[in-house]
Each structure stands twice: as C-alpha cells, then as structure tokens.
Amino acid sequence: TTAALVRPLLGISPSAWEEAGQVMGEMQASIVVAAILQRGVAIKNPGGYLRNLTRRAAAGEFSIWPMLLALSATRLKKAT
C-alpha cells in the first residue's frame, strides 16, 4: 500500500505499522498514516503518535471520524 511506502519516510517503525494494521485494520491504519502525513510537522513523532492511537483503538477509545473531520475543517479554512 501507499501507506507502507510512506511509513519509513515518516519514521514509523515496521512494528508500529504492523500493530496498527492488526488492531485497526489495514485500511484504517493507512488512513491514519495519510492523516499524519497531511498534518506534516504538527506531529513531531509520527511513530509514537501512531502507537498511541493504536493503543487507544485497542481499548475502544479511538474513532477515525474526528480525525477526518478535523482535517477536512483545516482544509476548508485554507481554501477560504
């Protein structure tokens, strides 16, 4: 997947990616990586951020929707 190609560029370890895929599913993990990429320098430690979201997902405390809505809102603000 594209996320698997981008992952090393962001400094996300293979183990963090694998765990995210197992917990969230590959599609959701890929969306999270895309969101991390989109936020750029705002996320100082992408691997740690992904691990944190993976832990939250495993505990049932993470939903991708707020992340997507925040990205969408940011994009709309930049467009105006």
Protein backbone atom coordinates (compact mmCIF):
# COMPACT_ATOMS: atom_id res chain seq x y z
CA THR A 1 0.00 0.00 0.00
CA THR A 2 0.99 3.63 -0.30
CA ALA A 3 0.98 3.91 3.48
CA ALA A 4 3.55 1.13 3.68
CA LEU A 5 5.78 3.11 1.32
CA VAL A 6 5.31 6.40 3.18
CA ARG A 7 5.69 4.85 6.63
CA PRO A 8 9.50 4.74 6.66
CA LEU A 9 9.71 8.33 5.41
CA LEU A 10 7.70 9.41 8.44
CA GLY A 11 9.88 7.42 10.81
CA ILE A 12 7.16 4.90 11.65
CA SER A 13 8.75 1.58 12.54
CA PRO A 14 7.67 -1.68 10.92
CA SER A 15 6.43 -2.93 14.29
CA ALA A 16 4.28 0.16 14.89
CA TRP A 17 2.78 -0.21 11.41
CA GLU A 18 2.16 -3.93 11.86
CA GLU A 19 0.48 -3.43 15.23
CA ALA A 20 -1.70 -0.63 13.87
CA GLY A 21 -2.76 -2.86 10.99
CA GLN A 22 -3.63 -5.69 13.35
CA VAL A 23 -5.59 -3.51 15.75
CA MET A 24 -7.25 -1.03 13.39
CA GLY A 25 -7.23 -2.97 10.17
CA GLU A 26 -5.01 -2.08 7.24
CA MET A 27 -7.41 0.42 5.70
CA GLN A 28 -7.94 2.45 8.85
CA ALA A 29 -4.23 2.31 9.68
CA SER A 30 -3.49 3.58 6.17
CA ILE A 31 -5.93 6.45 6.63
CA VAL A 32 -4.25 7.35 9.92
CA VAL A 33 -0.83 7.38 8.23
CA ALA A 34 -2.24 9.59 5.46
CA ALA A 35 -3.62 11.94 8.11
CA ILE A 36 -0.25 12.01 9.86
CA LEU A 37 1.39 12.86 6.54
CA GLN A 38 -1.19 15.56 5.88
CA ARG A 39 -0.53 17.22 9.24
CA GLY A 40 3.18 17.38 8.47
CA VAL A 41 5.39 18.97 11.10
CA ALA A 42 2.48 19.40 13.52
CA ILE A 43 3.14 15.81 14.62
CA LYS A 44 6.66 15.68 15.99
CA ASN A 45 6.84 11.90 16.49
CA PRO A 46 4.66 10.12 13.92
CA GLY A 47 5.63 6.65 15.14
CA GLY A 48 4.77 7.47 18.73
CA TYR A 49 1.54 9.11 17.62
CA LEU A 50 0.55 6.02 15.64
CA ARG A 51 1.38 3.78 18.60
CA ASN A 52 -0.73 5.97 20.88
CA LEU A 53 -3.68 5.84 18.50
CA THR A 54 -3.23 2.08 18.19
CA ARG A 55 -3.39 1.68 21.98
CA ARG A 56 -6.50 3.84 22.07
CA ALA A 57 -8.08 1.81 19.26
CA ALA A 58 -7.32 -1.43 21.11
CA ALA A 59 -9.08 0.00 24.16
CA GLY A 60 -12.07 1.07 22.06
CA GLU A 61 -11.23 4.75 22.61
CA PHE A 62 -10.36 5.79 19.06
CA SER A 63 -12.50 6.63 16.08
CA ILE A 64 -11.10 7.81 12.77
CA TRP A 65 -14.03 10.17 12.13
CA PRO A 66 -12.97 13.07 14.38
CA MET A 67 -9.53 12.97 12.78
CA LEU A 68 -11.01 13.10 9.30
CA LEU A 69 -13.40 15.90 10.23
CA ALA A 70 -10.55 17.95 11.70
CA LEU A 71 -8.50 17.50 8.54
CA SER A 72 -11.48 18.48 6.43
CA ALA A 73 -12.10 21.60 8.52
CA THR A 74 -8.44 22.60 8.24
CA ARG A 75 -8.56 22.15 4.50
CA LEU A 76 -11.71 24.26 4.22
CA LYS A 77 -10.13 27.06 6.27
CA LYS A 78 -7.11 27.10 3.97
CA ALA A 79 -9.37 27.28 0.91
CA THR A 80 -11.12 30.43 2.11
